[in-house]
N, C-alpha and C. Protein backbone atom coordinates (compact mmCIF):
# COMPACT_ATOMS: atom_id res chain seq x y z
N MET A 1 70.20 5.95 -40.67
CA MET A 1 69.54 5.80 -41.76
C MET A 1 69.53 6.81 -42.95
N LYS A 2 69.87 6.53 -44.20
CA LYS A 2 69.94 7.45 -45.07
C LYS A 2 68.72 8.35 -45.47
N PRO A 3 68.65 9.29 -45.99
CA PRO A 3 67.39 9.89 -46.38
C PRO A 3 66.96 9.29 -47.85
N LYS A 4 65.52 8.94 -47.68
CA LYS A 4 65.21 8.44 -48.89
C LYS A 4 63.45 9.01 -49.13
N ILE A 5 63.40 9.51 -50.46
CA ILE A 5 62.29 9.65 -50.82
C ILE A 5 61.29 8.63 -51.44
N LEU A 6 59.98 8.37 -50.91
CA LEU A 6 58.97 7.38 -51.28
C LEU A 6 58.23 8.16 -52.46
N TYR A 7 58.36 7.62 -53.57
CA TYR A 7 57.64 8.12 -54.81
C TYR A 7 56.68 7.31 -55.11
N ILE A 8 55.25 7.56 -54.70
CA ILE A 8 54.39 6.82 -54.92
C ILE A 8 53.34 6.87 -56.09
N GLN A 9 53.51 5.67 -56.85
CA GLN A 9 52.98 5.82 -58.05
C GLN A 9 51.92 4.94 -58.26
N THR A 10 50.81 5.54 -59.10
CA THR A 10 49.55 4.97 -59.02
C THR A 10 49.34 4.81 -60.56
N HIS A 11 49.85 5.75 -61.63
CA HIS A 11 49.30 5.85 -62.81
C HIS A 11 49.99 4.63 -63.74
N TYR A 12 49.48 4.06 -64.40
CA TYR A 12 50.14 2.83 -65.55
C TYR A 12 50.35 3.46 -66.59
N TYR A 13 51.58 3.16 -67.14
CA TYR A 13 51.77 3.88 -68.45
C TYR A 13 51.93 2.70 -69.64
N HIS A 14 51.25 2.72 -70.45
CA HIS A 14 51.23 2.00 -71.47
C HIS A 14 52.01 2.17 -72.74
N GLY A 15 52.82 1.58 -72.84
CA GLY A 15 53.85 1.62 -73.99
C GLY A 15 55.14 2.34 -73.47
N LYS A 16 55.62 3.24 -73.81
CA LYS A 16 56.87 3.81 -73.56
C LYS A 16 56.71 4.91 -72.35
N GLN A 17 57.60 4.51 -71.22
CA GLN A 17 57.86 5.29 -70.21
C GLN A 17 58.20 6.48 -70.22
N PRO A 18 57.66 7.50 -69.59
CA PRO A 18 58.37 9.01 -69.56
C PRO A 18 59.78 8.89 -69.04
N LYS A 19 60.40 9.91 -69.51
CA LYS A 19 61.89 10.17 -69.21
C LYS A 19 62.06 10.07 -67.85
N PHE A 20 61.38 10.81 -66.82
CA PHE A 20 61.41 11.20 -65.87
C PHE A 20 61.47 10.01 -64.71
N LEU A 21 60.43 9.19 -65.44
CA LEU A 21 60.47 7.84 -64.39
C LEU A 21 61.43 6.98 -64.56
N LYS A 22 62.06 7.19 -65.66
CA LYS A 22 63.20 6.11 -66.19
C LYS A 22 64.47 6.90 -65.15
N GLU A 23 64.40 8.13 -65.07
CA GLU A 23 65.73 8.74 -64.04
C GLU A 23 65.13 8.46 -62.77
N LEU A 24 64.15 8.27 -62.21
CA LEU A 24 64.23 7.87 -60.90
C LEU A 24 64.44 6.60 -60.34
N LYS A 25 64.18 5.65 -61.34
CA LYS A 25 64.64 4.07 -61.15
C LYS A 25 66.11 4.05 -60.91
N LYS A 26 66.61 4.98 -61.37
CA LYS A 26 68.26 4.82 -61.42
C LYS A 26 68.73 5.61 -60.08
N ARG A 27 67.98 6.24 -59.38
CA ARG A 27 68.50 6.75 -58.23
C ARG A 27 68.44 5.91 -57.15
N LYS A 28 69.47 5.92 -56.11
CA LYS A 28 69.53 5.14 -54.77
C LYS A 28 68.77 6.05 -53.66
N ASP A 29 68.41 7.14 -53.75
CA ASP A 29 67.88 8.02 -52.71
C ASP A 29 66.35 7.90 -53.14
N ILE A 30 65.76 7.28 -53.95
CA ILE A 30 64.21 7.41 -54.31
C ILE A 30 63.73 5.90 -54.18
N ILE A 31 62.66 5.44 -53.49
CA ILE A 31 62.05 4.50 -53.82
C ILE A 31 60.73 4.38 -54.08
N ILE A 32 60.49 3.85 -55.30
CA ILE A 32 59.10 3.87 -56.23
C ILE A 32 58.39 2.91 -55.56
N ILE A 33 57.07 3.17 -55.17
CA ILE A 33 56.22 1.86 -54.88
C ILE A 33 54.73 2.23 -55.20
N TRP A 34 54.26 1.09 -55.62
CA TRP A 34 52.70 1.21 -56.07
C TRP A 34 52.16 1.42 -55.09
N GLN A 35 50.97 2.49 -55.15
CA GLN A 35 50.10 2.87 -53.96
C GLN A 35 49.22 1.77 -53.38
N SER A 36 49.12 0.59 -54.11
CA SER A 36 48.53 -0.29 -53.73
C SER A 36 49.38 -1.16 -52.80
N ASP A 37 50.54 -1.32 -52.89
CA ASP A 37 51.69 -1.95 -52.10
C ASP A 37 52.39 -1.14 -50.88
N LEU A 38 51.27 0.20 -50.67
CA LEU A 38 51.85 1.01 -49.62
C LEU A 38 51.84 0.18 -48.16
N THR A 39 52.43 0.90 -47.18
CA THR A 39 52.01 0.13 -45.90
C THR A 39 52.49 1.16 -45.15
N SER A 40 52.15 1.19 -44.15
CA SER A 40 52.51 2.22 -42.64
C SER A 40 53.89 2.19 -42.63
N ASP A 41 54.76 1.13 -42.47
CA ASP A 41 55.98 1.17 -42.52
C ASP A 41 56.56 1.77 -43.82
N SER A 42 56.06 1.74 -44.78
CA SER A 42 56.52 2.37 -45.97
C SER A 42 56.88 3.90 -45.80
N ILE A 43 55.57 4.73 -45.23
CA ILE A 43 55.67 6.11 -44.73
C ILE A 43 56.52 6.24 -43.61
N LYS A 44 56.30 5.33 -42.56
CA LYS A 44 57.35 5.42 -41.61
C LYS A 44 58.90 5.74 -41.65
N ASN A 45 59.27 4.85 -42.80
CA ASN A 45 60.82 4.63 -43.00
C ASN A 45 61.17 5.97 -44.24
N ALA A 46 60.14 6.81 -44.76
CA ALA A 46 60.57 7.59 -45.54
C ALA A 46 61.13 8.97 -44.90
N THR A 47 62.22 9.81 -45.69
CA THR A 47 62.36 10.98 -45.20
C THR A 47 61.33 12.05 -45.96
N GLY A 48 61.17 11.75 -47.18
CA GLY A 48 60.14 12.58 -47.98
C GLY A 48 59.57 11.72 -48.83
N ILE A 49 58.29 12.37 -49.29
CA ILE A 49 57.19 11.55 -49.97
C ILE A 49 56.91 12.52 -51.23
N ILE A 50 56.66 11.66 -52.42
CA ILE A 50 56.26 12.40 -53.68
C ILE A 50 55.19 11.81 -53.96
N THR A 51 53.95 12.64 -54.29
CA THR A 51 52.73 11.95 -54.92
C THR A 51 52.07 12.78 -55.89
N THR A 52 51.91 12.06 -56.90
CA THR A 52 51.47 12.55 -58.35
C THR A 52 49.67 12.90 -58.48
N MET A 53 49.74 13.44 -59.25
CA MET A 53 48.38 14.00 -60.04
C MET A 53 47.32 12.74 -59.82
N HIS A 54 47.68 11.65 -60.25
CA HIS A 54 46.91 10.37 -60.10
C HIS A 54 46.60 9.84 -58.67
N LEU A 55 47.52 10.28 -57.82
CA LEU A 55 47.04 9.49 -56.41
C LEU A 55 45.38 9.17 -55.95
N ASP A 56 45.00 8.10 -55.82
CA ASP A 56 43.87 7.68 -55.44
C ASP A 56 43.68 8.31 -53.90
N GLN A 57 43.35 9.53 -53.99
CA GLN A 57 43.01 9.94 -52.24
C GLN A 57 41.95 9.28 -51.45
N LEU A 58 41.05 8.89 -51.96
CA LEU A 58 40.17 8.13 -51.30
C LEU A 58 40.80 6.61 -50.45
N GLY A 59 41.83 6.24 -51.35
CA GLY A 59 42.51 5.11 -50.81
C GLY A 59 43.40 5.48 -49.83
N MET A 60 44.32 6.94 -50.06
CA MET A 60 45.29 7.34 -49.26
C MET A 60 44.31 7.91 -47.84
N LEU A 61 43.20 7.82 -47.98
CA LEU A 61 42.69 8.44 -46.54
C LEU A 61 42.90 7.43 -45.38
N SER A 62 42.91 6.11 -45.78
CA SER A 62 43.42 5.08 -44.71
C SER A 62 44.89 5.32 -44.11
N PHE A 63 45.85 6.08 -44.80
CA PHE A 63 46.89 6.43 -44.22
C PHE A 63 46.93 7.71 -43.61
N SER A 64 45.90 8.49 -43.06
CA SER A 64 46.13 9.89 -42.71
C SER A 64 46.73 9.84 -41.34
N SER A 65 46.57 9.01 -40.50
CA SER A 65 47.55 9.16 -39.24
C SER A 65 49.13 8.77 -39.49
N GLU A 66 49.29 7.90 -40.60
CA GLU A 66 50.44 7.95 -41.08
C GLU A 66 51.11 9.14 -41.48
N LEU A 67 50.54 9.79 -42.26
CA LEU A 67 51.06 10.81 -42.75
C LEU A 67 51.23 12.25 -41.83
N GLU A 68 50.10 12.14 -41.07
CA GLU A 68 50.36 13.01 -40.03
C GLU A 68 51.38 12.63 -38.88
N ALA A 69 52.01 11.79 -38.38
CA ALA A 69 52.99 11.27 -37.78
C ALA A 69 54.47 11.77 -38.83
N PHE A 70 54.21 11.37 -40.01
CA PHE A 70 55.25 11.79 -40.88
C PHE A 70 55.62 13.11 -40.79
N LEU A 71 54.80 13.98 -41.06
CA LEU A 71 54.72 15.61 -40.93
C LEU A 71 55.18 15.78 -39.42
N ASN A 72 54.58 15.13 -38.85
CA ASN A 72 55.01 15.76 -37.06
C ASN A 72 56.48 15.32 -36.73
N ARG A 73 57.28 14.51 -37.54
CA ARG A 73 58.56 13.97 -37.22
C ARG A 73 59.51 14.91 -38.02
N GLY A 74 58.86 15.90 -38.95
CA GLY A 74 59.65 16.55 -39.76
C GLY A 74 59.93 16.17 -41.12
N GLY A 75 58.87 15.44 -41.53
CA GLY A 75 58.92 14.76 -43.07
C GLY A 75 58.34 15.63 -44.17
N ARG A 76 58.82 15.85 -45.38
CA ARG A 76 58.45 16.61 -46.31
C ARG A 76 57.64 15.91 -47.40
N TRP A 77 56.47 16.52 -47.79
CA TRP A 77 55.83 16.01 -48.92
C TRP A 77 55.60 16.99 -50.00
N PHE A 78 55.93 16.43 -51.03
CA PHE A 78 55.28 17.03 -52.19
C PHE A 78 54.43 16.54 -53.22
N PHE A 79 53.40 17.45 -52.97
CA PHE A 79 51.95 16.81 -53.38
C PHE A 79 51.78 17.64 -54.44
N ASN A 80 51.38 16.70 -55.54
CA ASN A 80 51.08 17.13 -57.01
C ASN A 80 49.49 17.11 -57.15
N GLY A 81 48.75 17.91 -57.84
CA GLY A 81 47.25 17.69 -58.13
C GLY A 81 46.37 18.58 -57.37
N HIS A 82 45.12 17.94 -57.59
CA HIS A 82 44.02 18.72 -57.10
C HIS A 82 43.56 17.84 -55.53
N MET A 83 43.85 18.66 -54.79
CA MET A 83 43.38 18.14 -53.11
C MET A 83 41.78 18.17 -53.06
N MET A 84 41.34 16.80 -53.15
CA MET A 84 39.96 16.44 -52.78
C MET A 84 39.34 15.53 -51.78
N ARG A 85 40.41 15.22 -50.85
CA ARG A 85 40.02 14.82 -49.67
C ARG A 85 41.07 15.40 -49.01
N PRO A 86 40.58 15.43 -47.33
CA PRO A 86 41.05 15.88 -45.98
C PRO A 86 42.44 14.57 -45.44
N LEU A 87 43.51 14.75 -46.50
CA LEU A 87 44.46 13.67 -46.36
C LEU A 87 45.15 13.99 -44.74
N VAL A 88 45.27 15.05 -44.42
CA VAL A 88 45.84 15.56 -43.31
C VAL A 88 44.95 16.88 -42.71
N PHE A 89 44.86 16.94 -41.33
CA PHE A 89 44.18 18.28 -41.05
C PHE A 89 44.75 19.63 -41.52
N GLY A 90 43.66 20.25 -42.09
CA GLY A 90 44.04 21.47 -42.13
C GLY A 90 43.89 21.92 -43.82
N LEU A 91 44.22 20.69 -44.65
CA LEU A 91 43.85 20.70 -46.58
C LEU A 91 42.39 21.04 -46.90
N GLN A 92 42.09 21.55 -47.50
CA GLN A 92 40.71 21.94 -48.24
C GLN A 92 40.82 21.64 -49.83
N ASN A 93 39.56 21.06 -50.35
CA ASN A 93 39.45 20.96 -51.78
C ASN A 93 39.63 22.07 -52.67
N TYR A 94 40.29 21.44 -53.86
CA TYR A 94 40.82 22.28 -54.83
C TYR A 94 39.35 23.22 -55.49
N ILE A 95 40.07 24.20 -56.11
CA ILE A 95 39.15 25.11 -56.46
C ILE A 95 39.56 25.43 -57.83
N PRO A 96 38.84 25.13 -59.08
CA PRO A 96 39.22 25.57 -60.47
C PRO A 96 39.27 27.26 -60.59
N ILE A 97 40.04 27.54 -61.75
CA ILE A 97 39.74 28.84 -61.80
C ILE A 97 38.54 29.14 -62.46
N LYS A 98 38.02 30.41 -62.54
CA LYS A 98 36.75 30.92 -62.60
C LYS A 98 36.89 31.92 -63.94
N GLU A 99 37.92 32.38 -64.26
CA GLU A 99 38.34 33.44 -65.38
C GLU A 99 38.56 32.81 -66.64
N SER A 100 38.25 33.25 -67.60
CA SER A 100 38.36 32.76 -69.17
C SER A 100 39.55 33.32 -69.81
N GLY A 101 40.08 32.65 -70.72
CA GLY A 101 41.45 33.50 -71.45
C GLY A 101 42.38 33.31 -70.86
N LYS A 102 43.46 33.58 -71.59
CA LYS A 102 44.92 33.36 -70.85
C LYS A 102 45.25 34.12 -69.87
N GLN A 103 44.60 35.36 -69.49
CA GLN A 103 44.70 35.92 -68.13
C GLN A 103 44.21 35.15 -67.19
N GLY A 104 43.34 34.49 -67.39
CA GLY A 104 42.75 33.36 -66.16
C GLY A 104 43.75 32.28 -65.94
N LEU A 105 45.11 32.27 -66.70
CA LEU A 105 45.84 31.10 -66.51
C LEU A 105 47.34 31.72 -66.35
N ALA A 106 47.44 33.01 -66.20
CA ALA A 106 48.63 33.67 -66.17
C ALA A 106 49.60 33.36 -65.06
N LEU A 107 50.57 32.95 -64.88
CA LEU A 107 51.41 32.54 -63.70
C LEU A 107 52.30 33.96 -63.27
N THR A 108 52.16 33.88 -61.78
CA THR A 108 53.00 35.11 -61.22
C THR A 108 53.64 34.59 -60.10
N PRO A 109 55.21 34.52 -60.07
CA PRO A 109 55.97 34.23 -58.96
C PRO A 109 55.61 35.18 -57.58
N LEU A 110 55.16 34.89 -56.80
CA LEU A 110 54.89 35.19 -55.44
C LEU A 110 55.88 35.44 -54.41
N ALA A 111 56.93 34.61 -54.35
CA ALA A 111 58.10 34.34 -53.68
C ALA A 111 59.09 33.39 -54.34
N ASP A 112 59.94 33.69 -53.73
CA ASP A 112 61.28 32.66 -53.80
C ASP A 112 61.21 31.55 -53.17
N HIS A 113 62.03 30.35 -53.80
CA HIS A 113 61.53 29.24 -53.11
C HIS A 113 62.61 28.02 -53.72
N PRO A 114 63.38 27.39 -53.08
CA PRO A 114 64.45 26.31 -53.65
C PRO A 114 64.07 25.56 -54.84
N ILE A 115 62.31 25.14 -54.69
CA ILE A 115 62.01 24.57 -55.89
C ILE A 115 62.18 25.25 -57.10
N PHE A 116 62.30 26.38 -57.20
CA PHE A 116 62.32 27.27 -58.69
C PHE A 116 63.81 27.78 -58.55
N LYS A 117 64.74 27.85 -57.74
CA LYS A 117 66.21 28.09 -57.93
C LYS A 117 66.48 27.97 -59.41
N GLY A 118 66.92 28.95 -59.70
CA GLY A 118 67.62 28.74 -60.99
C GLY A 118 66.54 28.66 -62.24
N ILE A 119 65.50 28.89 -61.98
CA ILE A 119 64.38 28.53 -62.97
C ILE A 119 63.40 29.95 -63.24
N ASP A 120 63.36 30.09 -64.63
CA ASP A 120 62.42 31.16 -64.96
C ASP A 120 60.64 30.68 -64.94
N ARG A 121 59.98 30.73 -64.05
CA ARG A 121 58.55 29.99 -64.10
C ARG A 121 57.91 30.46 -65.24
N SER A 122 58.22 31.35 -65.89
CA SER A 122 57.38 32.00 -67.17
C SER A 122 57.60 30.86 -68.18
N LYS A 123 58.49 29.95 -68.29
CA LYS A 123 58.94 29.21 -69.21
C LYS A 123 57.59 28.18 -69.11
N PHE A 124 57.01 28.01 -68.14
CA PHE A 124 56.14 26.87 -67.71
C PHE A 124 54.55 27.43 -67.85
N GLY A 125 54.38 28.93 -68.49
CA GLY A 125 53.24 29.24 -68.86
C GLY A 125 52.59 28.81 -70.06
N GLU A 126 53.13 28.26 -70.90
CA GLU A 126 52.65 27.64 -72.18
C GLU A 126 53.57 26.41 -72.51
N SER A 127 52.76 25.32 -73.09
CA SER A 127 53.23 24.11 -73.97
C SER A 127 52.99 24.36 -75.59
N LYS A 128 54.08 24.44 -76.32
CA LYS A 128 53.59 24.54 -77.73
C LYS A 128 52.50 25.56 -78.02
N GLY A 129 52.87 26.93 -77.23
CA GLY A 129 51.62 27.82 -77.71
C GLY A 129 50.46 27.56 -76.70
N VAL A 130 50.43 26.84 -76.30
CA VAL A 130 48.90 26.54 -75.01
C VAL A 130 49.17 26.63 -73.97
N ALA A 131 48.19 27.36 -73.15
CA ALA A 131 48.34 27.71 -71.96
C ALA A 131 47.67 26.71 -71.14
N GLY A 132 47.73 26.61 -70.06
CA GLY A 132 47.04 25.81 -68.91
C GLY A 132 47.62 24.42 -68.29
N PHE A 133 48.82 24.14 -68.90
CA PHE A 133 49.43 22.65 -68.66
C PHE A 133 49.73 22.69 -67.06
N TYR A 134 50.13 23.83 -66.82
CA TYR A 134 50.92 23.93 -65.49
C TYR A 134 49.79 23.76 -64.33
N GLY A 135 48.76 24.36 -64.61
CA GLY A 135 47.65 24.61 -63.54
C GLY A 135 46.67 25.15 -64.14
N ARG A 136 45.29 24.77 -63.54
CA ARG A 136 43.96 25.47 -63.75
C ARG A 136 43.33 25.67 -62.53
N GLY A 137 43.86 26.32 -61.23
CA GLY A 137 42.95 26.50 -60.21
C GLY A 137 43.92 26.22 -59.07
N HIS A 138 43.58 26.35 -58.13
CA HIS A 138 44.18 26.08 -56.67
C HIS A 138 43.76 25.26 -55.42
N ASN A 139 44.67 24.95 -54.74
CA ASN A 139 44.26 24.25 -53.50
C ASN A 139 44.38 25.29 -52.57
N PRO A 140 43.43 25.40 -51.76
CA PRO A 140 43.36 26.44 -50.59
C PRO A 140 44.34 26.46 -49.95
N MET A 141 45.10 27.53 -49.42
CA MET A 141 46.51 27.31 -48.40
C MET A 141 45.69 27.30 -46.89
N PRO A 142 46.42 26.26 -46.06
CA PRO A 142 46.24 26.57 -44.79
C PRO A 142 46.62 27.62 -44.18
N ARG A 143 46.10 27.99 -42.80
CA ARG A 143 46.83 29.03 -42.17
C ARG A 143 48.18 28.70 -42.09
N GLY A 144 48.88 29.92 -42.22
CA GLY A 144 50.09 29.89 -42.23
C GLY A 144 50.97 29.20 -43.03
N ALA A 145 50.59 28.89 -44.71
CA ALA A 145 51.25 28.69 -45.38
C ALA A 145 51.61 30.04 -46.44
N THR A 146 52.52 29.88 -47.18
CA THR A 146 53.19 30.98 -48.17
C THR A 146 52.98 30.64 -49.61
N ALA A 147 52.34 31.48 -50.35
CA ALA A 147 51.99 31.67 -51.51
C ALA A 147 53.34 31.74 -52.17
N ILE A 148 53.41 30.68 -53.13
CA ILE A 148 54.88 30.69 -54.18
C ILE A 148 54.61 31.22 -55.54
N THR A 149 53.47 30.80 -56.19
CA THR A 149 53.26 30.96 -57.24
C THR A 149 51.62 31.25 -57.62
N GLY A 150 51.47 32.50 -58.12
CA GLY A 150 49.78 32.81 -58.08
C GLY A 150 49.62 32.66 -59.68
N ILE A 151 47.98 31.96 -59.71
CA ILE A 151 47.21 31.99 -60.97
C ILE A 151 46.17 33.11 -61.29
N GLY A 152 46.09 33.37 -62.53
CA GLY A 152 45.20 34.49 -62.86
C GLY A 152 45.33 35.69 -62.31
N THR A 153 44.27 36.56 -62.54
CA THR A 153 44.59 38.10 -62.00
C THR A 153 44.67 38.14 -60.59
N LYS A 154 43.83 37.45 -60.06
CA LYS A 154 43.56 37.55 -58.73
C LYS A 154 44.93 36.76 -57.91
N LYS A 155 45.80 35.99 -58.47
CA LYS A 155 46.81 35.66 -58.25
C LYS A 155 46.63 34.22 -56.94
N ASN A 156 45.59 33.83 -57.29
CA ASN A 156 45.42 32.54 -56.23
C ASN A 156 46.70 31.62 -56.25
N PRO A 157 46.94 31.02 -55.21
CA PRO A 157 47.97 30.08 -54.75
C PRO A 157 48.10 28.84 -55.41
N LEU A 158 48.37 28.81 -56.62
CA LEU A 158 48.82 27.43 -57.70
C LEU A 158 49.93 26.63 -56.69
N ASP A 159 50.69 27.49 -56.25
CA ASP A 159 51.54 26.57 -55.36
C ASP A 159 51.91 27.31 -54.36
N TRP A 160 51.92 26.46 -52.98
CA TRP A 160 52.06 27.04 -51.81
C TRP A 160 52.94 26.09 -51.01
N ASP A 161 53.70 26.63 -49.86
CA ASP A 161 54.77 25.65 -49.13
C ASP A 161 54.16 26.15 -47.51
N TRP A 162 53.83 24.89 -46.93
CA TRP A 162 53.02 25.12 -45.55
C TRP A 162 54.30 24.27 -44.64
N SER A 163 54.96 25.07 -43.53
CA SER A 163 55.77 24.49 -42.62
C SER A 163 54.36 24.13 -40.98
N ILE A 164 54.70 22.94 -40.72
CA ILE A 164 53.93 22.40 -39.91
C ILE A 164 54.73 22.20 -38.45
N SER A 165 54.65 23.05 -37.84
CA SER A 165 55.14 23.10 -36.40
C SER A 165 54.43 21.89 -35.53
N ASN A 166 55.42 21.19 -34.71
CA ASN A 166 54.91 20.29 -33.87
C ASN A 166 55.51 20.72 -32.52
N SER A 167 54.61 21.57 -31.81
CA SER A 167 54.94 21.94 -30.77
C SER A 167 56.16 22.75 -30.51
N GLY A 168 56.62 23.26 -31.37
CA GLY A 168 58.00 23.99 -31.26
C GLY A 168 59.02 23.07 -31.58
N GLN A 169 58.90 22.07 -32.07
CA GLN A 169 60.00 20.81 -32.14
C GLN A 169 60.32 21.02 -33.63
N LYS A 170 59.98 19.56 -34.10
CA LYS A 170 60.39 19.44 -35.67
C LYS A 170 59.15 20.24 -36.42
N SER A 171 59.60 20.49 -37.79
CA SER A 171 58.77 21.00 -38.70
C SER A 171 58.30 20.32 -39.98
N GLY A 172 57.41 19.48 -39.99
CA GLY A 172 57.10 18.79 -41.59
C GLY A 172 56.96 20.06 -42.40
N ARG A 173 57.02 19.76 -43.46
CA ARG A 173 56.37 20.75 -44.53
C ARG A 173 55.44 19.92 -45.95
N ILE A 174 54.46 20.72 -46.51
CA ILE A 174 54.18 20.36 -47.67
C ILE A 174 53.99 21.57 -48.74
N PHE A 175 54.59 20.82 -49.82
CA PHE A 175 54.56 22.16 -50.95
C PHE A 175 53.41 21.22 -51.71
N SER A 176 52.29 22.23 -52.07
CA SER A 176 51.54 22.01 -52.61
C SER A 176 51.54 22.44 -54.29
N HIS A 177 51.47 21.81 -55.13
CA HIS A 177 51.35 22.09 -56.61
C HIS A 177 50.19 21.73 -57.39
N ALA A 178 49.17 22.63 -57.40
CA ALA A 178 47.71 22.16 -57.87
C ALA A 178 47.68 22.06 -59.51
N GLY A 179 48.43 21.36 -59.71
CA GLY A 179 48.29 20.81 -61.56
C GLY A 179 48.98 19.77 -61.82
N ASN A 180 49.36 19.47 -62.93
CA ASN A 180 50.12 18.33 -63.51
C ASN A 180 51.26 18.19 -62.63
N THR A 181 51.79 16.89 -62.63
CA THR A 181 52.91 16.65 -61.99
C THR A 181 54.07 17.45 -62.46
N LEU A 182 54.86 17.75 -61.47
CA LEU A 182 55.86 18.97 -61.79
C LEU A 182 57.09 18.18 -62.46
N LEU A 183 57.37 16.93 -61.98
CA LEU A 183 58.37 16.14 -62.45
C LEU A 183 58.27 15.71 -64.16
N SER A 184 57.30 16.24 -64.70
CA SER A 184 57.12 16.19 -66.18
C SER A 184 56.48 17.12 -66.68
N VAL A 185 56.39 18.17 -66.11
CA VAL A 185 55.64 19.43 -66.38
C VAL A 185 56.26 19.75 -67.95
N ALA A 186 54.81 20.00 -68.81
CA ALA A 186 55.34 20.34 -70.20
C ALA A 186 56.12 21.67 -70.39
N GLY A 187 57.07 22.07 -71.33
CA GLY A 187 57.38 23.13 -71.43
C GLY A 187 58.88 23.16 -71.64
N ASP A 188 59.76 23.88 -71.26
CA ASP A 188 61.19 24.07 -71.41
C ASP A 188 61.99 22.50 -70.92
N GLU A 189 62.62 21.72 -71.68
CA GLU A 189 63.36 20.50 -71.18
C GLU A 189 64.28 21.01 -70.19
N GLU A 190 65.31 21.67 -70.47
CA GLU A 190 66.05 21.86 -69.61
C GLU A 190 65.81 22.70 -68.20
N ALA A 191 64.86 23.46 -68.12
CA ALA A 191 63.84 23.87 -67.06
C ALA A 191 63.48 22.83 -66.20
N THR A 192 62.97 21.85 -67.18
CA THR A 192 61.91 20.80 -66.33
C THR A 192 62.84 20.22 -65.54
N LYS A 193 64.33 19.57 -66.24
CA LYS A 193 65.32 18.85 -65.69
C LYS A 193 65.66 19.54 -64.31
N GLN A 194 65.96 20.65 -64.34
CA GLN A 194 66.50 21.34 -63.07
C GLN A 194 65.59 21.46 -62.35
N LEU A 195 64.38 21.78 -62.42
CA LEU A 195 63.15 21.61 -61.75
C LEU A 195 62.94 20.12 -60.81
N ARG A 196 63.39 19.10 -61.66
CA ARG A 196 63.34 17.94 -61.01
C ARG A 196 64.02 17.67 -59.98
N GLU A 197 65.82 18.33 -59.99
CA GLU A 197 66.53 18.05 -59.22
C GLU A 197 66.31 19.01 -57.96
N ASN A 198 65.65 19.87 -58.31
CA ASN A 198 65.40 20.94 -57.10
C ASN A 198 64.10 20.42 -56.23
N ILE A 199 63.34 19.70 -56.84
CA ILE A 199 62.32 18.99 -56.30
C ILE A 199 63.13 18.00 -55.23
N PHE A 200 63.91 17.11 -55.78
CA PHE A 200 64.37 15.97 -54.87
C PHE A 200 65.27 16.30 -54.10
N SER A 201 65.82 17.53 -54.27
CA SER A 201 66.78 18.12 -53.05
C SER A 201 65.95 18.72 -51.96
N TRP A 202 64.96 19.21 -52.35
CA TRP A 202 63.81 19.94 -51.31
C TRP A 202 63.47 18.84 -50.43
N THR A 203 62.79 18.02 -51.10
CA THR A 203 62.14 16.82 -50.61
C THR A 203 62.90 15.75 -49.48
N LEU A 204 64.22 15.86 -49.98
CA LEU A 204 65.16 15.03 -49.12
C LEU A 204 65.90 15.86 -48.08
N SER A 205 65.64 17.01 -48.11
CA SER A 205 66.30 17.68 -47.10
C SER A 205 66.10 17.48 -45.48
N LYS A 206 66.96 17.17 -44.74
CA LYS A 206 66.61 16.70 -43.36
C LYS A 206 66.99 17.84 -42.58
N ASP A 207 66.57 19.10 -42.54
CA ASP A 207 67.16 19.93 -41.74
C ASP A 207 66.55 20.02 -40.35
N ASN A 208 64.85 19.38 -40.44
CA ASN A 208 64.37 19.47 -39.17
C ASN A 208 64.37 17.82 -38.97
N LEU A 209 65.20 16.85 -39.41
CA LEU A 209 64.88 15.45 -39.06
C LEU A 209 66.01 15.18 -38.12
């Protein structure tokens, strides 16, 4: 079976569709599915999963066991948004920033990661002179996760990567971005395009499959 990304769509776009969604529809390695059409087999047959900030997490709770099985067999999940439900064991609820002003929104690279290969993360700090589009808080890291991008003076983990070991066998991964969906993050267009390709490559990786 060829690697496939399951892109779970929840948000309706009225009028013109965003450029990134048009790109997704042209790719043969990405399956776009409405969350209302999601089934256990959809998750079972996926190599990677991408969810957006609009994910209906309450509805997704009914697929918790399928997500656990997906990760246990080495699947990769790119999560965008605020975690508000324990979709798999170890996840905790989103914490918004408490600092005021630009210093509370400042981004700090904390570790290298394939998602950001060839990208200057400082370009995502502002959009048209306004800060905060990239993120305004963090999803608490599970034990063993690695902080990738920090926010604010305390450098709380806005981006993190968690490798989930399955009794020393295959390791699933979750990349958490606690902000707007990175496929269309406001900012530098060229950097965003490269970021999309990096996200697809990472999510499709079958190192552990």
